[in-house]
Structures are given as structure tokens and as C-alpha cells.
């Protein structure tokens, strides 16, 4: 269900005044969920150097967020198996709407707007039927729910717009879960993840699966380069001592390229790719591991692991003009180049898994 009173009031006002832009919200550069010192959860808008420009309280732990392409609105998604997604006026941090999936479903922590901002797409678990779904919400009419369609697999987690063609790239992690079983993984004996490419209407256009010996590598998080290449971060569900890649690249129509899988330093990731991002020029891809406390930078041409940065509880990652920005569960906001890291800001809170860049 959607609570629309506040949103509709704002929509009526917008017909009488020029539509607000992101500049009206102080031109934030990033969004991140977090938890403050009192234990309260929130979504914050951050400047380029990590200062908090606005904050919005959340009813539970958040995960990622989606930013409207033109209006100063963001949607904060609950961490799995949460059932809330808050639509936020980023000028004030106030609530515009709260979205809930239908009965028998929960959100998976990610979503994305259509290129024109008219629709919001959300990754969802139809746990009673053990299938992944994409919810569709009308962002031009109070975020009412208008449709849903198959994600192309189980456990859809991250989802981004394609850059090479209209459509969605969906990371189907392949893991069956049910809220009644907590965070237990119910199908490891026959688990299989995939990267699915869907039209904006839900038609499956292409699917990529990993080789059979890597079927326990759950594709979870995505980044997209300007040429359409998708970077994907994986989370290994097998023996934790095995040397398996945590990052890969895929250009639709081609075979996947797995990165640095024979470099022993990959073991430092502890099998867990938390966030992934391309550098601004596309020559590097970064992948974080909060479990390992490392950020690894890889060459997108050779696939080699070039540099490794040690950072306690690092997970959030986004591109910057000089390399990357990273955020940590200890409140740090860090600028990272190939060989150096520089602390820009420390907040009295714990940043959650993702640092969402705003165009």
C-alpha cells in the first residue's frame, strides 16, 4: 500500500510553481543509508566531501536508494526482508510516500527509475512462490503500483538501467529465502544465479550464467560503464577457503570475463563482494568487502588486480574525478586513488552498504 497524502499535496503545488530540481536540495553528490549513535536508521544526502546535507529517518535498516533523474526525490529501500520503501523530498528530508509490496513479497534493497523518471522499478521476492519479481510503480501519479513481472531468476538484488540499449540489467543472486526462515539459504544444492537483461516492460532479452564450477557464486551488485559493459560483484556460497573471483565484466552479446581469479589476494575479500563501481574513465573497476576490510582495484582491460586498500568495514563505493569515494561502517568518507587514500570526513554514525552517486 502507498500513503499518498503528502505526495499529492506536493504534486498539486508543483502545477502552480516551476518544478524543483536537485539544486534546490543543495546539489547532493551521493546518497547513503546509515545508523546513528542512538541506533536510529536514516537515509542521508552527502556533499562531494561527505558532509550530510539532509537526512530522513527510516523505520528499519536501509540498504540502497534510487534518485529521481530530475526531481529532488529519492527512494530509500529496506534491507531484505524489509517491506518499506520511503519516497523522500530531498529539499527537506521529509516523507512523500511509503511504498509496500503486495502480501507475500518483500523488497530486496534496490531499485531504479526509468530514464524519464515516470516509473520506479523495485527488486522483490515472491517468497510464497519462490520466484524473483520486479515491481513497477507510477512515479508520475503518487507512486501507485501498476505492474510487476519476472526478474528472470531467484533472489533479484541489484538492478540498473542498461547503457547500450533501453532496458534493465538485473542481478539474480539465485538464492531462495523466506522470511519465516530468517536469512537461511534454502536451495544451495541446486542454486544458480544469473545476470538478466530485461526490457522496461519485462521481456527477457538475454541472460548470462557463470560456468558450472562457479554456480555457487551469487551475482549480487552491479555497475554499468558508458559502453554498456556491466560490472558485477559476487558473493561465494561455497568453501570459504577456495580461490574464486569476486568481480567480473559482461558486455551483452558476449561471454563474461572473470577478474583476477588466480590472484591469491582475492582471498582477502573472504568471498564477499559488497559494492562495485567503475572509475570515471572506465579503466578501473573497484570492488569492496566489509568482511575482509579491503577495496580492490582491477584493470578493466587485463582483468588484473592492480591495487588493494585496507579499510575497516568498507562497503559503499562510487566513482569520483580522481578515482573513487568509499564509505565505511565506522562513519568514514574516503577519497581513493590507485595508490593513496585520504579521509575527507568522519560522521558520528555507521554508513550502510552502498554509496549511490547522483548525476
Protein backbone atom coordinates (compact mmCIF):
# COMPACT_ATOMS: atom_id res chain seq x y z
CA UNK A 1 0.00 0.00 0.00
CA UNK A 2 1.07 3.59 -0.58
CA UNK A 3 0.46 6.57 1.69
CA UNK A 4 -0.05 9.43 -0.79
CA UNK A 5 -1.46 12.40 1.12
CA UNK A 6 1.78 14.30 1.39
CA UNK A 7 2.89 13.36 -2.10
CA UNK A 8 -0.36 14.54 -3.74
CA UNK A 9 -0.22 17.84 -1.89
CA UNK A 10 3.25 18.40 -3.25
CA UNK A 11 2.14 17.34 -6.72
CA UNK A 12 -0.72 19.86 -6.70
CA UNK A 13 1.66 22.60 -5.62
CA UNK A 14 4.05 21.68 -8.43
CA UNK A 15 1.36 22.51 -11.01
CA UNK A 16 1.40 26.12 -9.79
CA UNK A 17 5.16 26.62 -9.47
CA UNK A 18 8.20 25.65 -11.53
CA UNK A 19 9.34 22.10 -10.83
CA UNK A 20 12.15 21.89 -8.30
CA UNK A 21 15.50 20.47 -9.35
CA UNK A 22 18.30 18.77 -7.44
CA UNK A 23 19.90 22.19 -6.97
CA UNK A 24 17.01 23.00 -4.62
CA UNK A 25 18.22 20.17 -2.38
CA UNK A 26 21.72 21.60 -2.16
CA UNK A 27 23.02 19.52 -5.08
CA UNK A 28 23.99 16.41 -3.09
CA UNK A 29 26.55 14.18 -4.75
CA UNK A 30 25.69 10.90 -3.00
CA UNK A 31 23.00 9.07 -1.05
CA UNK A 32 23.66 6.54 1.69
CA UNK A 33 21.70 4.69 4.33
CA UNK A 34 23.14 4.62 7.83
CA UNK A 35 22.59 4.21 11.54
CA UNK A 36 23.28 6.96 14.06
CA UNK A 37 24.78 6.71 17.54
CA UNK A 38 21.35 6.23 19.13
CA UNK A 39 20.64 3.21 16.90
CA UNK A 40 18.16 5.05 14.66
CA UNK A 41 18.22 4.31 10.93
CA UNK A 42 18.28 7.00 8.25
CA UNK A 43 18.95 7.94 4.65
CA UNK A 44 21.31 10.88 4.12
CA UNK A 45 22.29 13.10 1.22
CA UNK A 46 26.02 13.82 1.15
CA UNK A 47 28.17 16.50 -0.41
CA UNK A 48 31.18 15.64 -2.56
CA UNK A 49 33.32 15.65 0.57
CA UNK A 50 30.95 13.62 2.73
CA UNK A 51 29.13 16.29 4.77
CA UNK A 52 25.48 15.49 5.47
CA UNK A 53 23.14 17.84 3.58
CA UNK A 54 19.84 16.24 4.60
CA UNK A 55 18.65 13.17 6.48
CA UNK A 56 15.42 11.21 6.63
CA UNK A 57 14.51 8.76 9.41
CA UNK A 58 13.76 5.18 8.33
CA UNK A 59 11.57 2.70 10.22
CA UNK A 60 14.22 -0.01 9.92
CA UNK A 61 17.61 -0.71 8.41
CA UNK A 62 18.03 0.68 4.91
CA UNK A 63 20.19 -0.73 2.14
CA UNK A 64 20.39 1.24 -1.10
CA UNK A 65 18.47 4.11 -2.71
CA UNK A 66 17.34 5.38 -6.09
CA UNK A 67 17.39 9.02 -7.17
CA UNK A 68 14.81 10.53 -9.49
CA UNK A 69 16.55 11.75 -12.68
CA UNK A 70 15.15 15.29 -12.50
CA UNK A 71 13.12 15.91 -9.33
CA UNK A 72 14.87 16.18 -5.94
CA UNK A 73 13.30 12.91 -4.79
CA UNK A 74 14.94 9.71 -3.60
CA UNK A 75 13.59 6.31 -2.65
CA UNK A 76 15.23 4.54 0.30
CA UNK A 77 14.83 0.75 0.25
CA UNK A 78 14.66 -1.55 3.24
CA UNK A 79 17.30 -4.22 3.68
CA UNK A 80 15.99 -7.69 2.88
CA UNK A 81 13.45 -8.86 4.04
CA UNK A 82 12.06 -5.39 4.74
CA UNK A 83 8.75 -4.18 3.32
CA UNK A 84 9.19 -0.41 3.18
CA UNK A 85 10.48 1.96 0.55
CA UNK A 86 10.34 5.63 1.55
CA UNK A 87 9.96 8.34 -1.09
CA UNK A 88 11.79 11.39 0.23
CA UNK A 89 11.72 15.10 -0.58
CA UNK A 90 15.45 15.75 -0.59
CA UNK A 91 14.97 19.50 -0.09
CA UNK A 92 13.70 18.91 3.43
CA UNK A 93 14.30 15.24 4.21
CA UNK A 94 10.53 14.88 4.62
CA UNK A 95 8.42 11.93 3.53
CA UNK A 96 6.36 12.00 0.33
CA UNK A 97 5.14 8.40 0.35
CA UNK A 98 5.83 4.99 1.82
CA UNK A 99 5.62 2.03 -0.55
CA UNK A 100 4.86 -1.53 0.48
CA UNK A 101 4.93 -4.59 -1.79
CA UNK A 102 1.91 -6.90 -2.06
CA UNK A 103 1.31 -9.56 0.58
CA UNK A 104 3.72 -12.47 0.26
CA UNK A 105 6.56 -10.30 -1.08
CA UNK A 106 9.38 -8.19 0.30
CA UNK A 107 11.87 -5.77 -1.17
CA UNK A 108 15.45 -6.78 -1.91
CA UNK A 109 17.05 -3.42 -1.13
CA UNK A 110 17.48 -1.92 -4.61
CA UNK A 111 15.52 -0.13 -7.32
CA UNK A 112 15.88 2.23 -10.25
CA UNK A 113 13.85 4.86 -12.09
CA UNK A 114 13.08 4.70 -15.80
CA UNK A 115 15.16 7.15 -17.85
CA UNK A 116 12.32 9.69 -17.98
CA UNK A 117 11.50 9.29 -14.28
CA UNK A 118 7.92 8.20 -14.91
CA UNK A 119 8.33 4.71 -13.41
CA UNK A 120 10.14 3.19 -10.46
CA UNK A 121 11.28 -0.45 -10.66
CA UNK A 122 11.91 -2.45 -7.46
CA UNK A 123 13.53 -5.86 -6.92
CA UNK A 124 11.26 -8.15 -4.92
CA UNK A 125 11.00 -11.68 -3.53
CA UNK A 126 7.72 -13.52 -4.13
CA UNK A 127 8.65 -15.85 -1.31
CA UNK A 128 5.45 -17.89 -1.27
CA UNK A 129 6.10 -18.93 -4.88
CA UNK A 130 9.94 -18.90 -4.74
CA UNK A 131 10.41 -16.51 -7.63
CA UNK A 132 12.05 -13.16 -8.22
CA UNK A 133 9.91 -10.26 -9.34
CA UNK A 134 10.27 -6.65 -10.46
CA UNK A 135 7.61 -4.26 -9.14
CA UNK A 136 6.58 -1.26 -11.24
CA UNK A 137 5.33 1.98 -9.66
CA UNK A 138 3.92 5.08 -11.36
CA UNK A 139 6.21 7.88 -10.18
CA UNK A 140 4.09 10.43 -12.05
CA UNK A 141 0.93 9.53 -10.09
CA UNK A 142 1.72 9.23 -6.41
CA UNK A 143 3.86 6.10 -6.82
CA UNK A 144 0.85 3.84 -7.19
CA UNK A 145 1.74 0.28 -8.10
CA UNK A 146 0.88 -0.50 -11.72
CA UNK A 147 2.50 -3.83 -12.64
CA UNK A 148 5.07 -6.50 -11.87
CA UNK A 149 6.98 -9.04 -13.93
CA UNK A 150 9.52 -11.83 -13.51
CA UNK A 151 13.11 -10.85 -12.77
CA UNK A 152 14.35 -13.83 -14.76
CA UNK A 153 15.57 -15.79 -11.76
CA UNK A 154 15.66 -16.18 -7.98
CA UNK A 155 16.79 -13.57 -5.49
CA UNK A 156 16.95 -10.41 -7.61
CA UNK A 157 19.13 -7.98 -5.72
CA UNK A 158 20.75 -5.07 -7.56
CA UNK A 159 19.25 -3.59 -10.74
CA UNK A 160 20.42 -0.78 -13.03
CA UNK A 161 19.47 0.76 -16.34
CA UNK A 162 21.33 -0.53 -19.37
CA UNK A 163 23.58 1.96 -21.16
CA UNK A 164 23.82 0.16 -24.53
CA UNK A 165 20.07 -0.21 -25.12
CA UNK A 166 16.77 0.59 -23.37
CA UNK A 167 16.13 -1.83 -20.54
CA UNK A 168 17.22 -3.20 -17.18
CA UNK A 169 20.18 -5.24 -16.00
CA UNK A 170 19.16 -7.43 -13.04
CA UNK A 171 21.47 -9.39 -10.71
CA UNK A 172 19.53 -12.55 -9.84
CA UNK A 173 21.55 -13.90 -6.93
CA UNK A 174 20.00 -17.35 -7.27
CA UNK A 175 19.39 -17.91 -3.56
CA UNK A 176 15.94 -18.89 -2.29
CA UNK A 177 14.98 -17.29 1.01
CA UNK A 178 11.81 -16.98 3.08
CA UNK A 179 11.15 -14.52 5.93
CA UNK A 180 9.94 -17.41 8.06
CA UNK A 181 13.42 -18.92 7.85
CA UNK A 182 15.30 -15.74 8.71
CA UNK A 183 18.31 -15.28 6.44
CA UNK A 184 18.77 -19.02 5.78
CA UNK A 185 19.66 -20.05 2.21
CA UNK A 186 17.18 -22.73 1.20
CA UNK A 187 18.42 -24.03 -2.16
CA UNK A 188 22.22 -24.25 -2.14
CA UNK A 189 22.26 -27.82 -3.59
CA UNK A 190 20.74 -26.53 -6.84
CA UNK A 191 21.45 -22.78 -6.62
CA UNK A 192 22.16 -20.96 -9.89
CA UNK A 193 22.45 -17.18 -10.28
CA UNK A 194 22.31 -15.13 -13.48
CA UNK A 195 22.56 -11.66 -14.93
CA UNK A 196 19.32 -10.93 -16.77
CA UNK A 197 18.69 -8.19 -19.32
CA UNK A 198 15.04 -7.17 -19.48
CA UNK A 199 13.06 -4.64 -21.46
CA UNK A 200 11.30 -1.94 -19.45
CA UNK A 201 8.11 -3.97 -19.99
CA UNK A 202 9.65 -7.15 -18.59
CA UNK A 203 10.65 -9.13 -21.67
CA UNK A 204 13.79 -11.22 -21.13
CA UNK A 205 16.26 -10.15 -23.82
CA UNK A 206 19.39 -12.01 -22.69
CA UNK A 207 20.68 -13.97 -19.72
CA UNK A 208 24.24 -14.72 -18.63
CA UNK A 209 25.13 -17.57 -16.30
CA UNK A 210 28.51 -18.39 -14.80
CA UNK A 211 30.29 -21.69 -15.54
CA UNK A 212 29.04 -24.74 -13.65
CA UNK A 213 32.04 -24.81 -11.30
CA UNK A 214 31.11 -21.28 -10.17
CA UNK A 215 27.38 -21.86 -9.79
CA UNK A 216 27.68 -21.04 -6.06
CA UNK A 217 28.96 -17.55 -6.87
CA UNK A 218 25.92 -15.34 -6.28
CA UNK A 219 25.80 -12.30 -8.61
CA UNK A 220 24.64 -9.51 -6.30
CA UNK A 221 25.77 -6.00 -7.21
CA UNK A 222 26.19 -4.13 -10.47
CA UNK A 223 27.87 -1.17 -12.13
CA UNK A 224 27.41 -0.07 -15.76
CA UNK A 225 30.00 1.62 -17.96
CA UNK A 226 29.12 4.10 -20.71
CA UNK A 227 29.65 1.48 -23.46
CA UNK A 228 27.12 -0.87 -21.83
CA UNK A 229 29.62 -3.16 -20.11
CA UNK A 230 28.19 -4.42 -16.81
CA UNK A 231 30.49 -4.97 -13.86
CA UNK A 232 29.20 -7.49 -11.34
CA UNK A 233 30.25 -8.31 -7.79
CA UNK A 234 29.71 -11.82 -6.44
CA UNK A 235 29.32 -13.49 -3.06
CA UNK A 236 30.64 -17.05 -2.82
CA UNK A 237 28.40 -19.60 -1.10
CA UNK A 238 30.89 -22.49 -1.19
CA UNK A 239 34.02 -23.37 0.76
CA UNK A 240 35.38 -20.09 2.16
CA UNK A 241 38.96 -21.21 1.51
CA UNK A 242 38.51 -21.56 -2.25
CA UNK A 243 40.15 -19.04 -4.55
CA UNK A 244 37.24 -17.75 -6.63
CA UNK A 245 36.71 -14.36 -8.31
CA UNK A 246 34.52 -11.74 -6.68
CA UNK A 247 34.22 -9.47 -9.75
CA UNK A 248 33.50 -9.85 -13.44
CA UNK A 249 32.58 -7.95 -16.58
CA UNK A 250 29.90 -8.68 -19.15
CA UNK A 251 29.02 -6.91 -22.39
CA UNK A 252 25.65 -8.09 -23.70
CA UNK A 253 26.13 -10.48 -26.58
CA UNK A 254 29.49 -11.75 -25.35
CA UNK A 255 30.95 -14.15 -22.79
CA UNK A 256 31.59 -12.99 -19.20
CA UNK A 257 35.13 -12.05 -18.14
CA UNK A 258 36.02 -13.07 -14.59
CA UNK A 259 38.69 -10.92 -13.00
CA UNK A 260 41.83 -11.77 -11.02
CA UNK A 261 40.55 -15.24 -10.18
CA UNK A 262 44.10 -16.63 -9.95
CA UNK A 263 45.49 -13.82 -7.76
CA UNK A 264 45.90 -15.05 -4.18
CA UNK A 265 44.98 -11.59 -2.88
CA UNK A 266 41.39 -12.29 -3.91
CA UNK A 267 41.21 -14.46 -0.78
CA UNK A 268 41.38 -11.21 1.21
CA UNK A 269 37.82 -10.48 0.05
CA UNK A 270 36.61 -13.51 2.05
CA UNK A 271 34.33 -14.41 -0.84
CA UNK A 272 32.20 -11.29 -0.42
CA UNK A 273 31.82 -8.52 -2.99
CA UNK A 274 29.91 -5.78 -1.21
CA UNK A 275 29.78 -2.90 -3.74
CA UNK A 276 31.22 -2.36 -7.20
CA UNK A 277 31.88 0.76 -9.30
CA UNK A 278 33.70 1.78 -12.47
CA UNK A 279 36.14 4.66 -12.34
CA UNK A 280 35.00 7.77 -14.20
CA UNK A 281 37.15 6.90 -17.22
CA UNK A 282 36.15 3.23 -17.17
CA UNK A 283 39.74 1.97 -16.96
CA UNK A 284 39.37 0.62 -13.41
CA UNK A 285 36.71 -1.20 -11.51
CA UNK A 286 36.63 -1.27 -7.73
CA UNK A 287 35.03 -3.89 -5.51
CA UNK A 288 34.72 -3.72 -1.72
CA UNK A 289 34.50 -6.31 1.02
CA UNK A 290 33.35 -5.26 4.50
CA UNK A 291 34.15 -8.79 5.70
CA UNK A 292 37.71 -8.54 4.51
CA UNK A 293 38.10 -4.82 5.17
CA UNK A 294 39.52 -4.25 1.69
CA UNK A 295 38.91 -2.34 -1.52
CA UNK A 296 40.47 -3.93 -4.59
CA UNK A 297 41.05 -2.03 -7.85
CA UNK A 298 41.18 -4.02 -11.06
CA UNK A 299 42.18 -3.18 -14.62
CA UNK A 300 39.21 -3.47 -16.97
CA UNK A 301 41.40 -4.39 -19.97
CA UNK A 302 43.67 -7.07 -18.50
CA UNK A 303 41.46 -8.08 -15.57
CA UNK A 304 44.48 -7.87 -13.27
CA UNK A 305 44.24 -6.86 -9.62
CA UNK A 306 46.29 -3.65 -9.56
CA UNK A 307 45.95 -2.26 -6.06
CA UNK A 308 44.47 -3.17 -2.70
CA UNK A 309 43.46 -0.71 0.03
CA UNK A 310 42.86 -1.79 3.61
CA UNK A 311 39.86 -0.05 5.19
CA UNK A 312 37.94 -1.32 8.20
CA UNK A 313 34.30 -2.23 7.39
CA UNK A 314 34.40 -0.62 3.94
CA UNK A 315 31.46 -1.24 1.63
CA UNK A 316 30.00 1.86 -0.07
CA UNK A 317 31.75 2.77 -3.33
CA UNK A 318 31.21 5.33 -6.08
CA UNK A 319 33.30 6.92 -8.85
CA UNK A 320 34.92 10.33 -8.46
CA UNK A 321 37.00 12.55 -10.71
CA UNK A 322 40.21 11.31 -9.10
CA UNK A 323 39.30 7.67 -8.67
CA UNK A 324 36.71 6.52 -6.14
CA UNK A 325 34.85 7.54 -3.00
CA UNK A 326 34.35 4.92 -0.30
CA UNK A 327 32.25 4.86 2.88
CA UNK A 328 32.61 2.65 5.92
CA UNK A 329 30.65 1.27 8.83
CA UNK A 330 32.84 3.42 11.09
CA UNK A 331 31.49 6.65 9.55
CA UNK A 332 34.45 7.41 7.30
CA UNK A 333 34.16 9.00 3.87
CA UNK A 334 37.38 8.40 1.95
CA UNK A 335 38.79 9.55 -1.40
CA UNK A 336 40.75 6.75 -3.06
CA UNK A 337 43.21 6.79 -5.96
CA UNK A 338 45.22 3.88 -7.30
CA UNK A 339 47.86 4.17 -4.61
CA UNK A 340 46.52 6.51 -1.93
CA UNK A 341 43.53 7.11 0.31
CA UNK A 342 42.54 10.35 2.02
CA UNK A 343 39.95 10.73 4.79
CA UNK A 344 37.60 13.57 3.83
CA UNK A 345 35.01 13.36 6.58
CA UNK A 346 34.03 11.28 9.58
CA UNK A 347 30.40 11.18 10.72
CA UNK A 348 29.14 10.01 14.09
CA UNK A 349 27.23 7.15 12.51
CA UNK A 350 27.71 3.90 10.61
CA UNK A 351 27.28 4.07 6.84
CA UNK A 352 25.48 1.09 5.36
CA UNK A 353 26.40 -0.97 2.29
CA UNK A 354 26.02 1.44 -0.61
CA UNK A 355 27.08 4.89 -1.74
CA UNK A 356 24.72 5.99 -4.51
CA UNK A 357 26.14 8.65 -6.85
CA UNK A 358 23.89 11.39 -8.23
CA UNK A 359 24.46 12.65 -11.77
